[in-house]
């Protein structure tokens, strides 16, 4: 697997951040605050959560 080794966590984070952008935009338009919270927690990004709220 190409995801083995020390690069796997960084690769996973990059993929999550890339695809979560679209979900964040939709959740903001529809006041999906629980979804915004969940995405921010999944990404372990409190600054993102502060920015969105």
PDB file of N, CA and C in Angstrom:
ATOM      1  N   UNK A   1       0.824  -1.197   0.000  1.00  0.00           N
ATOM      2  CA  UNK A   1       0.000   0.000   0.000  1.00  0.00           C
ATOM      3  C   UNK A   1       0.863   1.253   0.000  1.00  0.00           C
ATOM      4  N   UNK A   2       0.437   2.263  -0.723  1.00  0.00           N
ATOM      5  CA  UNK A   2       1.168   3.525  -0.745  1.00  0.00           C
ATOM      6  C   UNK A   2       0.873   4.375   0.487  1.00  0.00           C
ATOM      7  N   UNK A   3      -0.112   3.977   1.286  1.00  0.00           N
ATOM      8  CA  UNK A   3      -0.487   4.741   2.474  1.00  0.00           C
ATOM      9  C   UNK A   3       0.203   4.235   3.729  1.00  0.00           C
ATOM     10  N   UNK A   4       1.107   3.282   3.592  1.00  0.00           N
ATOM     11  CA  UNK A   4       1.801   2.763   4.758  1.00  0.00           C
ATOM     12  C   UNK A   4       2.936   3.687   5.143  1.00  0.00           C
ATOM     13  N   UNK A   5       3.362   3.591   6.395  1.00  0.00           N
ATOM     14  CA  UNK A   5       4.497   4.381   6.839  1.00  0.00           C
ATOM     15  C   UNK A   5       4.078   5.670   7.505  1.00  0.00           C
ATOM     16  N   UNK A   6       5.055   6.543   7.674  1.00  0.00           N
ATOM     17  CA  UNK A   6       4.817   7.779   8.414  1.00  0.00           C
ATOM     18  C   UNK A   6       4.029   8.814   7.627  1.00  0.00           C
ATOM     19  N   UNK A   7       3.874   8.638   6.327  1.00  0.00           N
ATOM     20  CA  UNK A   7       3.135   9.615   5.525  1.00  0.00           C
ATOM     21  C   UNK A   7       1.629   9.408   5.587  1.00  0.00           C
ATOM     22  N   UNK A   8       1.190   8.273   6.086  1.00  0.00           N
ATOM     23  CA  UNK A   8      -0.239   7.960   6.103  1.00  0.00           C
ATOM     24  C   UNK A   8      -1.068   9.002   6.855  1.00  0.00           C
ATOM     25  N   UNK A   9      -0.695   9.416   8.073  1.00  0.00           N
ATOM     26  CA  UNK A   9      -1.523  10.417   8.770  1.00  0.00           C
ATOM     27  C   UNK A   9      -1.600  11.748   8.022  1.00  0.00           C
ATOM     28  N   UNK A  10      -0.488  12.201   7.470  1.00  0.00           N
ATOM     29  CA  UNK A  10      -0.490  13.462   6.731  1.00  0.00           C
ATOM     30  C   UNK A  10      -1.337  13.351   5.471  1.00  0.00           C
ATOM     31  N   UNK A  11      -1.253  12.205   4.812  1.00  0.00           N
ATOM     32  CA  UNK A  11      -2.023  11.985   3.594  1.00  0.00           C
ATOM     33  C   UNK A  11      -3.519  11.964   3.917  1.00  0.00           C
ATOM     34  N   UNK A  12      -3.870  11.286   5.008  1.00  0.00           N
ATOM     35  CA  UNK A  12      -5.268  11.204   5.433  1.00  0.00           C
ATOM     36  C   UNK A  12      -5.805  12.592   5.759  1.00  0.00           C
ATOM     37  N   UNK A  13      -5.032  13.384   6.500  1.00  0.00           N
ATOM     38  CA  UNK A  13      -5.454  14.741   6.848  1.00  0.00           C
ATOM     39  C   UNK A  13      -5.662  15.595   5.607  1.00  0.00           C
ATOM     40  N   UNK A  14      -4.758  15.494   4.643  1.00  0.00           N
ATOM     41  CA  UNK A  14      -4.872  16.284   3.417  1.00  0.00           C
ATOM     42  C   UNK A  14      -6.126  15.906   2.644  1.00  0.00           C
ATOM     43  N   UNK A  15      -6.403  14.619   2.556  1.00  0.00           N
ATOM     44  CA  UNK A  15      -7.595  14.151   1.839  1.00  0.00           C
ATOM     45  C   UNK A  15      -8.857  14.617   2.556  1.00  0.00           C
ATOM     46  N   UNK A  16      -8.891  14.481   3.888  1.00  0.00           N
ATOM     47  CA  UNK A  16     -10.061  14.925   4.652  1.00  0.00           C
ATOM     48  C   UNK A  16     -10.314  16.413   4.475  1.00  0.00           C
ATOM     49  N   UNK A  17      -9.251  17.217   4.534  1.00  0.00           N
ATOM     50  CA  UNK A  17      -9.413  18.666   4.387  1.00  0.00           C
ATOM     51  C   UNK A  17      -9.890  19.027   2.988  1.00  0.00           C
ATOM     52  N   UNK A  18      -9.378  18.314   1.982  1.00  0.00           N
ATOM     53  CA  UNK A  18      -9.778  18.601   0.600  1.00  0.00           C
ATOM     54  C   UNK A  18     -11.264  18.345   0.390  1.00  0.00           C
ATOM     55  N   UNK A  19     -11.738  17.200   0.853  1.00  0.00           N
ATOM     56  CA  UNK A  19     -13.129  16.841   0.612  1.00  0.00           C
ATOM     57  C   UNK A  19     -14.100  17.475   1.593  1.00  0.00           C
ATOM     58  N   UNK A  20     -13.632  17.879   2.750  1.00  0.00           N
ATOM     59  CA  UNK A  20     -14.539  18.490   3.715  1.00  0.00           C
ATOM     60  C   UNK A  20     -14.922  19.908   3.319  1.00  0.00           C
ATOM     61  N   UNK A  21     -14.145  20.548   2.465  1.00  0.00           N
ATOM     62  CA  UNK A  21     -14.446  21.911   2.038  1.00  0.00           C
ATOM     63  C   UNK A  21     -15.828  22.039   1.425  1.00  0.00           C
ATOM     64  N   UNK A  22     -16.196  21.078   0.581  1.00  0.00           N
ATOM     65  CA  UNK A  22     -17.521  21.099  -0.052  1.00  0.00           C
ATOM     66  C   UNK A  22     -18.621  20.873   0.988  1.00  0.00           C
ATOM     67  N   UNK A  23     -18.374  19.957   1.907  1.00  0.00           N
ATOM     68  CA  UNK A  23     -19.363  19.695   2.953  1.00  0.00           C
ATOM     69  C   UNK A  23     -19.544  20.902   3.863  1.00  0.00           C
ATOM     70  N   UNK A  24     -18.452  21.585   4.155  1.00  0.00           N
ATOM     71  CA  UNK A  24     -18.522  22.782   4.998  1.00  0.00           C
ATOM     72  C   UNK A  24     -19.364  23.859   4.333  1.00  0.00           C
ATOM     73  N   UNK A  25     -19.173  24.064   3.048  1.00  0.00           N
ATOM     74  CA  UNK A  25     -19.943  25.080   2.324  1.00  0.00           C
ATOM     75  C   UNK A  25     -21.436  24.768   2.364  1.00  0.00           C
ATOM     76  N   UNK A  26     -21.792  23.523   2.146  1.00  0.00           N
ATOM     77  CA  UNK A  26     -23.205  23.115   2.174  1.00  0.00           C
ATOM     78  C   UNK A  26     -23.772  23.272   3.580  1.00  0.00           C
ATOM     79  N   UNK A  27     -23.029  22.834   4.578  1.00  0.00           N
ATOM     80  CA  UNK A  27     -23.507  22.918   5.962  1.00  0.00           C
ATOM     81  C   UNK A  27     -23.711  24.367   6.389  1.00  0.00           C
ATOM     82  N   UNK A  28     -22.817  25.252   5.964  1.00  0.00           N
ATOM     83  CA  UNK A  28     -22.976  26.672   6.320  1.00  0.00           C
ATOM     84  C   UNK A  28     -24.224  27.257   5.679  1.00  0.00           C
ATOM     85  N   UNK A  29     -24.489  26.915   4.425  1.00  0.00           N
ATOM     86  CA  UNK A  29     -25.675  27.443   3.738  1.00  0.00           C
ATOM     87  C   UNK A  29     -26.957  26.983   4.408  1.00  0.00           C
ATOM     88  N   UNK A  30     -26.943  25.786   4.965  1.00  0.00           N
ATOM     89  CA  UNK A  30     -28.165  25.214   5.521  1.00  0.00           C
ATOM     90  C   UNK A  30     -28.155  25.188   7.049  1.00  0.00           C
ATOM     91  N   UNK A  31     -27.278  25.990   7.639  1.00  0.00           N
ATOM     92  CA  UNK A  31     -27.181  26.089   9.099  1.00  0.00           C
ATOM     93  C   UNK A  31     -27.000  24.717   9.741  1.00  0.00           C
ATOM     94  N   UNK A  32     -26.169  23.897   9.131  1.00  0.00           N
ATOM     95  CA  UNK A  32     -25.881  22.563   9.664  1.00  0.00           C
ATOM     96  C   UNK A  32     -24.765  22.623  10.686  1.00  0.00           C
ATOM     97  N   UNK A  33     -25.061  23.245  11.821  1.00  0.00           N
ATOM     98  CA  UNK A  33     -24.025  23.483  12.817  1.00  0.00           C
ATOM     99  C   UNK A  33     -23.461  22.191  13.401  1.00  0.00           C
ATOM    100  N   UNK A  34     -24.297  21.184  13.557  1.00  0.00           N
ATOM    101  CA  UNK A  34     -23.793  19.899  14.060  1.00  0.00           C
ATOM    102  C   UNK A  34     -22.809  19.293  13.064  1.00  0.00           C
ATOM    103  N   UNK A  35     -23.103  19.432  11.774  1.00  0.00           N
ATOM    104  CA  UNK A  35     -22.197  18.929  10.742  1.00  0.00           C
ATOM    105  C   UNK A  35     -20.883  19.694  10.763  1.00  0.00           C
ATOM    106  N   UNK A  36     -20.950  21.018  10.904  1.00  0.00           N
ATOM    107  CA  UNK A  36     -19.730  21.823  10.995  1.00  0.00           C
ATOM    108  C   UNK A  36     -18.898  21.399  12.201  1.00  0.00           C
ATOM    109  N   UNK A  37     -19.570  21.181  13.314  1.00  0.00           N
ATOM    110  CA  UNK A  37     -18.879  20.743  14.524  1.00  0.00           C
ATOM    111  C   UNK A  37     -18.209  19.389  14.290  1.00  0.00           C
ATOM    112  N   UNK A  38     -18.951  18.448  13.701  1.00  0.00           N
ATOM    113  CA  UNK A  38     -18.421  17.104  13.461  1.00  0.00           C
ATOM    114  C   UNK A  38     -17.209  17.132  12.536  1.00  0.00           C
ATOM    115  N   UNK A  39     -17.284  17.920  11.465  1.00  0.00           N
ATOM    116  CA  UNK A  39     -16.161  18.017  10.524  1.00  0.00           C
ATOM    117  C   UNK A  39     -14.949  18.604  11.225  1.00  0.00           C
ATOM    118  N   UNK A  40     -15.155  19.658  11.985  1.00  0.00           N
ATOM    119  CA  UNK A  40     -14.042  20.288  12.697  1.00  0.00           C
ATOM    120  C   UNK A  40     -13.410  19.328  13.701  1.00  0.00           C
ATOM    121  N   UNK A  41     -14.239  18.555  14.378  1.00  0.00           N
ATOM    122  CA  UNK A  41     -13.712  17.571  15.331  1.00  0.00           C
ATOM    123  C   UNK A  41     -12.968  16.457  14.608  1.00  0.00           C
ATOM    124  N   UNK A  42     -13.515  15.990  13.497  1.00  0.00           N
ATOM    125  CA  UNK A  42     -12.849  14.939  12.726  1.00  0.00           C
ATOM    126  C   UNK A  42     -11.487  15.396  12.226  1.00  0.00           C
ATOM    127  N   UNK A  43     -11.399  16.657  11.844  1.00  0.00           N
ATOM    128  CA  UNK A  43     -10.133  17.203  11.353  1.00  0.00           C
ATOM    129  C   UNK A  43      -9.231  17.670  12.491  1.00  0.00           C
ATOM    130  N   UNK A  44      -9.778  17.656  13.719  1.00  0.00           N
ATOM    131  CA  UNK A  44      -9.048  18.137  14.891  1.00  0.00           C
ATOM    132  C   UNK A  44      -8.545  19.564  14.649  1.00  0.00           C
ATOM    133  N   UNK A  45      -9.465  20.427  14.193  1.00  0.00           N
ATOM    134  CA  UNK A  45      -9.098  21.788  13.794  1.00  0.00           C
ATOM    135  C   UNK A  45     -10.006  22.796  14.492  1.00  0.00           C
ATOM    136  N   UNK A  46      -9.609  23.250  15.672  1.00  0.00           N
ATOM    137  CA  UNK A  46     -10.430  24.200  16.416  1.00  0.00           C
ATOM    138  C   UNK A  46     -10.447  25.577  15.768  1.00  0.00           C
ATOM    139  N   UNK A  47      -9.384  25.938  15.076  1.00  0.00           N
ATOM    140  CA  UNK A  47      -9.363  27.236  14.390  1.00  0.00           C
ATOM    141  C   UNK A  47     -10.400  27.259  13.269  1.00  0.00           C
ATOM    142  N   UNK A  48     -10.561  26.157  12.572  1.00  0.00           N
ATOM    143  CA  UNK A  48     -11.584  26.062  11.529  1.00  0.00           C
ATOM    144  C   UNK A  48     -12.958  26.264  12.148  1.00  0.00           C
ATOM    145  N   UNK A  49     -13.206  25.619  13.261  1.00  0.00           N
ATOM    146  CA  UNK A  49     -14.499  25.752  13.932  1.00  0.00           C
ATOM    147  C   UNK A  49     -14.751  27.196  14.347  1.00  0.00           C
ATOM    148  N   UNK A  50     -13.765  27.858  14.908  1.00  0.00           N
ATOM    149  CA  UNK A  50     -13.922  29.264  15.302  1.00  0.00           C
ATOM    150  C   UNK A  50     -14.225  30.140  14.097  1.00  0.00           C
ATOM    151  N   UNK A  51     -13.555  29.887  12.999  1.00  0.00           N
ATOM    152  CA  UNK A  51     -13.769  30.666  11.782  1.00  0.00           C
ATOM    153  C   UNK A  51     -15.180  30.463  11.243  1.00  0.00           C
ATOM    154  N   UNK A  52     -15.660  29.234  11.271  1.00  0.00           N
ATOM    155  CA  UNK A  52     -16.974  28.920  10.722  1.00  0.00           C
ATOM    156  C   UNK A  52     -18.102  29.460  11.579  1.00  0.00           C
ATOM    157  N   UNK A  53     -17.924  29.476  12.875  1.00  0.00           N
ATOM    158  CA  UNK A  53     -18.984  29.909  13.773  1.00  0.00           C
ATOM    159  C   UNK A  53     -18.906  31.405  13.966  1.00  0.00           C
TER     160      UNK A  53
END
